[in-house]
Amino acid sequence: MEYSDSEIVSAMQNSNELVFEALFRFYYQRLCNYANTLLKDADESEEAVQQFFAGLWERRERFSVTLSVKSYLYKSVHNACLNKIKQNQMKQAHHERESKLETVSKSSTEQALVMKELEQQIALAIESLPEQCRLIFKLSRFEELKYAEIAGQLNLSVKTVENQMGKALRVMREKLNAYLPTLLTLLLLTHS
């Protein structure tokens, strides 16, 4: 690249599209290749790098680096890939849980009725949450958004999102505490 790190930082902070485009063109394929070494999936790698660059442009006015632009880009993509790996693991675990719950519900009519009751109680517990708390809970648990993403989407601080999630989880535990034995019984039946 023909720009120094300080020139790139300054240009980004001043919304210089030409410098951003040059940065993108110079590093895009290199970062995709690097991401692919972590994700082992070319499409996911490209998606991670594209999302990183989109976010970089959105945060351009706050863009700053301590070491070098190159180090910053690689470290950011590395972190994005680790987040994607974690997200994929969570999705896989969720699908496995869903699959087990499906098996449980199919194993007997009684279990299906118990599951329906439990699902209703969970839905009621979620609906009993205050509006903002409920929205944050749903974005976190059902949309699988990170706290920072939720904070950005709702124009809140990450700390507020954390506090609201803590409140939501406390309320959910309190409301569903009576159903814990039922849930444990269902889980034990799936393993027998």
C-alpha atoms as a PDB file:
ATOM      1  CA  MET A   1       0.000   0.000   0.000  1.00  0.00           C
ATOM      2  CA  GLU A   2       1.222   3.479  -0.773  1.00  0.00           C
ATOM      3  CA  TYR A   3      -0.190   5.162   2.361  1.00  0.00           C
ATOM      4  CA  SER A   4       1.436   5.288   5.779  1.00  0.00           C
ATOM      5  CA  ASP A   5      -0.483   4.023   8.811  1.00  0.00           C
ATOM      6  CA  SER A   6      -1.022   7.549  10.112  1.00  0.00           C
ATOM      7  CA  GLU A   7      -2.300   8.688   6.682  1.00  0.00           C
ATOM      8  CA  ILE A   8      -4.723   5.761   6.575  1.00  0.00           C
ATOM      9  CA  VAL A   9      -6.020   6.464  10.094  1.00  0.00           C
ATOM     10  CA  SER A  10      -6.471  10.157   9.355  1.00  0.00           C
ATOM     11  CA  ALA A  11      -8.139   9.495   5.996  1.00  0.00           C
ATOM     12  CA  MET A  12     -10.515   6.945   7.528  1.00  0.00           C
ATOM     13  CA  GLN A  13     -11.480   9.317  10.322  1.00  0.00           C
ATOM     14  CA  ASN A  14     -12.244  11.915   7.634  1.00  0.00           C
ATOM     15  CA  SER A  15     -14.406   9.441   5.646  1.00  0.00           C
ATOM     16  CA  ASN A  16     -12.029   9.271   2.690  1.00  0.00           C
ATOM     17  CA  GLU A  17     -13.656   6.639   0.485  1.00  0.00           C
ATOM     18  CA  LEU A  18     -10.655   6.362  -1.847  1.00  0.00           C
ATOM     19  CA  VAL A  19      -8.337   5.348   0.986  1.00  0.00           C
ATOM     20  CA  PHE A  20     -10.932   2.934   2.363  1.00  0.00           C
ATOM     21  CA  GLU A  21     -11.360   1.391  -1.093  1.00  0.00           C
ATOM     22  CA  ALA A  22      -7.569   1.093  -1.503  1.00  0.00           C
ATOM     23  CA  LEU A  23      -7.342  -0.543   1.928  1.00  0.00           C
ATOM     24  CA  PHE A  24     -10.161  -2.908   1.019  1.00  0.00           C
ATOM     25  CA  ARG A  25      -8.685  -3.843  -2.355  1.00  0.00           C
ATOM     26  CA  PHE A  26      -5.203  -4.372  -0.942  1.00  0.00           C
ATOM     27  CA  TYR A  27      -6.203  -6.498   2.048  1.00  0.00           C
ATOM     28  CA  TYR A  28      -9.501  -8.153   1.101  1.00  0.00           C
ATOM     29  CA  GLN A  29      -8.181 -11.329  -0.530  1.00  0.00           C
ATOM     30  CA  ARG A  30      -5.306 -11.621   1.955  1.00  0.00           C
ATOM     31  CA  LEU A  31      -7.758 -11.399   4.863  1.00  0.00           C
ATOM     32  CA  CYS A  32     -10.124 -13.879   3.200  1.00  0.00           C
ATOM     33  CA  ASN A  33      -7.257 -16.337   2.833  1.00  0.00           C
ATOM     34  CA  TYR A  34      -6.286 -15.803   6.471  1.00  0.00           C
ATOM     35  CA  ALA A  35      -9.897 -16.197   7.644  1.00  0.00           C
ATOM     36  CA  ASN A  36     -10.168 -19.414   5.641  1.00  0.00           C
ATOM     37  CA  THR A  37      -7.248 -20.904   7.593  1.00  0.00           C
ATOM     38  CA  LEU A  38      -9.380 -20.471  10.729  1.00  0.00           C
ATOM     39  CA  LEU A  39     -12.897 -21.145   9.432  1.00  0.00           C
ATOM     40  CA  LYS A  40     -12.068 -23.765   6.778  1.00  0.00           C
ATOM     41  CA  ASP A  41     -14.949 -22.441   4.681  1.00  0.00           C
ATOM     42  CA  ALA A  42     -14.377 -19.972   1.846  1.00  0.00           C
ATOM     43  CA  ASP A  43     -17.915 -18.549   1.869  1.00  0.00           C
ATOM     44  CA  GLU A  44     -17.940 -18.011   5.643  1.00  0.00           C
ATOM     45  CA  SER A  45     -14.468 -16.488   5.407  1.00  0.00           C
ATOM     46  CA  GLU A  46     -15.561 -13.983   2.773  1.00  0.00           C
ATOM     47  CA  GLU A  47     -18.672 -13.168   4.779  1.00  0.00           C
ATOM     48  CA  ALA A  48     -16.592 -12.559   7.922  1.00  0.00           C
ATOM     49  CA  VAL A  49     -14.181 -10.254   6.077  1.00  0.00           C
ATOM     50  CA  GLN A  50     -17.006  -8.380   4.327  1.00  0.00           C
ATOM     51  CA  GLN A  51     -18.802  -7.874   7.637  1.00  0.00           C
ATOM     52  CA  PHE A  52     -15.559  -6.666   9.204  1.00  0.00           C
ATOM     53  CA  PHE A  53     -14.993  -4.086   6.445  1.00  0.00           C
ATOM     54  CA  ALA A  54     -18.625  -2.940   6.611  1.00  0.00           C
ATOM     55  CA  GLY A  55     -18.258  -2.447  10.360  1.00  0.00           C
ATOM     56  CA  LEU A  56     -14.931  -0.702   9.888  1.00  0.00           C
ATOM     57  CA  TRP A  57     -16.547   1.824   7.549  1.00  0.00           C
ATOM     58  CA  GLU A  58     -19.416   2.370  10.006  1.00  0.00           C
ATOM     59  CA  ARG A  59     -16.893   3.043  12.811  1.00  0.00           C
ATOM     60  CA  ARG A  60     -14.458   4.986  10.603  1.00  0.00           C
ATOM     61  CA  GLU A  61     -14.634   8.198  12.589  1.00  0.00           C
ATOM     62  CA  ARG A  62     -13.444   6.347  15.711  1.00  0.00           C
ATOM     63  CA  PHE A  63     -10.826   4.315  13.821  1.00  0.00           C
ATOM     64  CA  SER A  64      -7.446   4.194  15.547  1.00  0.00           C
ATOM     65  CA  VAL A  65      -4.569   1.723  15.706  1.00  0.00           C
ATOM     66  CA  THR A  66      -1.841   1.218  18.287  1.00  0.00           C
ATOM     67  CA  LEU A  67       0.628  -0.908  16.311  1.00  0.00           C
ATOM     68  CA  SER A  68      -0.040  -0.922  12.583  1.00  0.00           C
ATOM     69  CA  VAL A  69      -3.031  -0.930  10.279  1.00  0.00           C
ATOM     70  CA  LYS A  70      -2.026  -4.366   8.997  1.00  0.00           C
ATOM     71  CA  SER A  71      -1.849  -5.788  12.542  1.00  0.00           C
ATOM     72  CA  TYR A  72      -5.184  -4.192  13.380  1.00  0.00           C
ATOM     73  CA  LEU A  73      -6.868  -5.694  10.307  1.00  0.00           C
ATOM     74  CA  TYR A  74      -5.524  -9.196  10.881  1.00  0.00           C
ATOM     75  CA  LYS A  75      -6.301  -9.135  14.606  1.00  0.00           C
ATOM     76  CA  SER A  76      -9.836  -7.866  13.926  1.00  0.00           C
ATOM     77  CA  VAL A  77     -10.491 -10.566  11.328  1.00  0.00           C
ATOM     78  CA  HIS A  78      -8.992 -13.152  13.692  1.00  0.00           C
ATOM     79  CA  ASN A  79     -11.447 -12.067  16.408  1.00  0.00           C
ATOM     80  CA  ALA A  80     -14.338 -12.040  13.929  1.00  0.00           C
ATOM     81  CA  CYS A  81     -13.478 -15.615  12.935  1.00  0.00           C
ATOM     82  CA  LEU A  82     -13.293 -16.737  16.558  1.00  0.00           C
ATOM     83  CA  ASN A  83     -16.715 -15.175  17.140  1.00  0.00           C
ATOM     84  CA  LYS A  84     -18.067 -16.959  14.068  1.00  0.00           C
ATOM     85  CA  ILE A  85     -16.636 -20.287  15.282  1.00  0.00           C
ATOM     86  CA  LYS A  86     -18.246 -19.732  18.686  1.00  0.00           C
ATOM     87  CA  GLN A  87     -21.527 -18.762  17.033  1.00  0.00           C
ATOM     88  CA  ASN A  88     -21.433 -21.906  14.863  1.00  0.00           C
ATOM     89  CA  GLN A  89     -20.758 -24.056  17.930  1.00  0.00           C
ATOM     90  CA  MET A  90     -23.688 -22.445  19.728  1.00  0.00           C
ATOM     91  CA  LYS A  91     -25.953 -23.024  16.729  1.00  0.00           C
ATOM     92  CA  GLN A  92     -24.837 -26.655  16.550  1.00  0.00           C
ATOM     93  CA  ALA A  93     -25.490 -27.124  20.272  1.00  0.00           C
ATOM     94  CA  HIS A  94     -28.890 -25.445  19.851  1.00  0.00           C
ATOM     95  CA  HIS A  95     -29.769 -27.753  16.947  1.00  0.00           C
ATOM     96  CA  GLU A  96     -28.707 -30.766  19.000  1.00  0.00           C
ATOM     97  CA  ARG A  97     -30.873 -29.604  21.913  1.00  0.00           C
ATOM     98  CA  GLU A  98     -33.766 -29.004  19.522  1.00  0.00           C
ATOM     99  CA  SER A  99     -33.296 -32.456  18.076  1.00  0.00           C
ATOM    100  CA  LYS A 100     -33.313 -34.035  21.535  1.00  0.00           C
ATOM    101  CA  LEU A 101     -36.417 -32.077  22.480  1.00  0.00           C
ATOM    102  CA  GLU A 102     -38.125 -33.266  19.294  1.00  0.00           C
ATOM    103  CA  THR A 103     -37.248 -36.841  20.183  1.00  0.00           C
ATOM    104  CA  VAL A 104     -38.646 -36.339  23.662  1.00  0.00           C
ATOM    105  CA  SER A 105     -41.891 -34.864  22.382  1.00  0.00           C
ATOM    106  CA  LYS A 106     -42.333 -37.706  19.908  1.00  0.00           C
ATOM    107  CA  SER A 107     -41.620 -40.452  22.450  1.00  0.00           C
ATOM    108  CA  SER A 108     -45.011 -40.239  24.152  1.00  0.00           C
ATOM    109  CA  THR A 109     -48.177 -38.216  24.260  1.00  0.00           C
ATOM    110  CA  GLU A 110     -47.642 -37.430  27.919  1.00  0.00           C
ATOM    111  CA  GLN A 111     -44.174 -36.052  27.289  1.00  0.00           C
ATOM    112  CA  ALA A 112     -45.538 -34.012  24.395  1.00  0.00           C
ATOM    113  CA  LEU A 113     -48.155 -32.487  26.673  1.00  0.00           C
ATOM    114  CA  VAL A 114     -45.538 -31.710  29.314  1.00  0.00           C
ATOM    115  CA  MET A 115     -43.329 -30.096  26.683  1.00  0.00           C
ATOM    116  CA  LYS A 116     -46.232 -27.983  25.458  1.00  0.00           C
ATOM    117  CA  GLU A 117     -46.919 -26.847  29.006  1.00  0.00           C
ATOM    118  CA  LEU A 118     -43.242 -26.016  29.517  1.00  0.00           C
ATOM    119  CA  GLU A 119     -43.051 -24.089  26.241  1.00  0.00           C
ATOM    120  CA  GLN A 120     -46.155 -22.122  27.236  1.00  0.00           C
ATOM    121  CA  GLN A 121     -44.642 -21.307  30.604  1.00  0.00           C
ATOM    122  CA  ILE A 122     -41.405 -20.172  28.951  1.00  0.00           C
ATOM    123  CA  ALA A 123     -43.388 -17.986  26.539  1.00  0.00           C
ATOM    124  CA  LEU A 124     -45.394 -16.537  29.446  1.00  0.00           C
ATOM    125  CA  ALA A 125     -42.190 -15.898  31.404  1.00  0.00           C
ATOM    126  CA  ILE A 126     -40.681 -14.105  28.406  1.00  0.00           C
ATOM    127  CA  GLU A 127     -43.837 -12.041  27.902  1.00  0.00           C
ATOM    128  CA  SER A 128     -43.828 -11.059  31.597  1.00  0.00           C
ATOM    129  CA  LEU A 129     -40.509  -9.269  31.145  1.00  0.00           C
ATOM    130  CA  PRO A 130     -40.553  -5.470  30.822  1.00  0.00           C
ATOM    131  CA  GLU A 131     -40.625  -4.416  27.154  1.00  0.00           C
ATOM    132  CA  GLN A 132     -36.959  -3.397  26.753  1.00  0.00           C
ATOM    133  CA  CYS A 133     -35.764  -6.366  28.796  1.00  0.00           C
ATOM    134  CA  ARG A 134     -37.899  -8.743  26.694  1.00  0.00           C
ATOM    135  CA  LEU A 135     -36.609  -7.264  23.427  1.00  0.00           C
ATOM    136  CA  ILE A 136     -32.987  -7.580  24.551  1.00  0.00           C
ATOM    137  CA  PHE A 137     -33.583 -11.157  25.742  1.00  0.00           C
ATOM    138  CA  LYS A 138     -35.159 -12.160  22.419  1.00  0.00           C
ATOM    139  CA  LEU A 139     -32.377 -10.522  20.374  1.00  0.00           C
ATOM    140  CA  SER A 140     -29.765 -12.313  22.458  1.00  0.00           C
ATOM    141  CA  ARG A 141     -31.366 -15.742  22.736  1.00  0.00           C
ATOM    142  CA  PHE A 142     -33.385 -16.066  19.545  1.00  0.00           C
ATOM    143  CA  GLU A 143     -31.509 -13.836  17.101  1.00  0.00           C
ATOM    144  CA  GLU A 144     -28.145 -14.825  18.663  1.00  0.00           C
ATOM    145  CA  LEU A 145     -26.857 -11.253  18.591  1.00  0.00           C
ATOM    146  CA  LYS A 146     -23.916 -10.242  20.750  1.00  0.00           C
ATOM    147  CA  TYR A 147     -24.438  -7.654  23.470  1.00  0.00           C
ATOM    148  CA  ALA A 148     -22.490  -5.067  21.441  1.00  0.00           C
ATOM    149  CA  GLU A 149     -24.697  -5.725  18.395  1.00  0.00           C
ATOM    150  CA  ILE A 150     -27.841  -5.369  20.501  1.00  0.00           C
ATOM    151  CA  ALA A 151     -26.498  -2.168  22.064  1.00  0.00           C
ATOM    152  CA  GLY A 152     -25.800  -0.728  18.608  1.00  0.00           C
ATOM    153  CA  GLN A 153     -29.176  -1.762  17.232  1.00  0.00           C
ATOM    154  CA  LEU A 154     -31.116  -0.318  20.190  1.00  0.00           C
ATOM    155  CA  ASN A 155     -28.853   2.684  20.728  1.00  0.00           C
ATOM    156  CA  LEU A 156     -27.984   1.578  24.283  1.00  0.00           C
ATOM    157  CA  SER A 157     -24.734   1.029  26.130  1.00  0.00           C
ATOM    158  CA  VAL A 158     -23.336  -2.504  26.318  1.00  0.00           C
ATOM    159  CA  LYS A 159     -23.560  -2.227  30.109  1.00  0.00           C
ATOM    160  CA  THR A 160     -27.296  -1.514  29.876  1.00  0.00           C
ATOM    161  CA  VAL A 161     -27.733  -4.579  27.666  1.00  0.00           C
ATOM    162  CA  GLU A 162     -25.743  -6.685  30.161  1.00  0.00           C
ATOM    163  CA  ASN A 163     -27.849  -5.402  33.059  1.00  0.00           C
ATOM    164  CA  GLN A 164     -31.112  -6.044  31.192  1.00  0.00           C
ATOM    165  CA  MET A 165     -29.995  -9.589  30.279  1.00  0.00           C
ATOM    166  CA  GLY A 166     -29.090 -10.268  33.912  1.00  0.00           C
ATOM    167  CA  LYS A 167     -32.526  -9.041  34.954  1.00  0.00           C
ATOM    168  CA  ALA A 168     -34.207 -11.160  32.269  1.00  0.00           C
ATOM    169  CA  LEU A 169     -32.365 -14.296  33.331  1.00  0.00           C
ATOM    170  CA  ARG A 170     -33.225 -13.700  37.008  1.00  0.00           C
ATOM    171  CA  VAL A 171     -36.902 -13.270  36.171  1.00  0.00           C
ATOM    172  CA  MET A 172     -36.875 -16.347  33.914  1.00  0.00           C
ATOM    173  CA  ARG A 173     -35.249 -18.447  36.668  1.00  0.00           C
ATOM    174  CA  GLU A 174     -37.830 -17.268  39.208  1.00  0.00           C
ATOM    175  CA  LYS A 175     -40.793 -17.851  36.904  1.00  0.00           C
ATOM    176  CA  LEU A 176     -39.611 -21.270  35.687  1.00  0.00           C
ATOM    177  CA  ASN A 177     -38.156 -22.568  38.956  1.00  0.00           C
ATOM    178  CA  ALA A 178     -41.256 -24.700  39.600  1.00  0.00           C
ATOM    179  CA  TYR A 179     -40.779 -26.391  36.209  1.00  0.00           C
ATOM    180  CA  LEU A 180     -37.167 -27.429  36.801  1.00  0.00           C
ATOM    181  CA  PRO A 181     -38.111 -30.948  38.044  1.00  0.00           C
ATOM    182  CA  THR A 182     -40.275 -31.437  34.938  1.00  0.00           C
ATOM    183  CA  LEU A 183     -37.459 -30.326  32.671  1.00  0.00           C
ATOM    184  CA  LEU A 184     -34.967 -32.611  34.436  1.00  0.00           C
ATOM    185  CA  THR A 185     -37.377 -35.544  34.126  1.00  0.00           C
ATOM    186  CA  LEU A 186     -37.721 -34.887  30.407  1.00  0.00           C
ATOM    187  CA  LEU A 187     -33.979 -34.701  29.980  1.00  0.00           C
ATOM    188  CA  LEU A 188     -33.478 -37.950  31.898  1.00  0.00           C
ATOM    189  CA  LEU A 189     -36.124 -39.701  29.793  1.00  0.00           C
ATOM    190  CA  THR A 190     -34.274 -38.746  26.619  1.00  0.00           C
ATOM    191  CA  HIS A 191     -31.099 -40.415  27.893  1.00  0.00           C
ATOM    192  CA  SER A 192     -32.724 -43.672  28.981  1.00  0.00           C
END
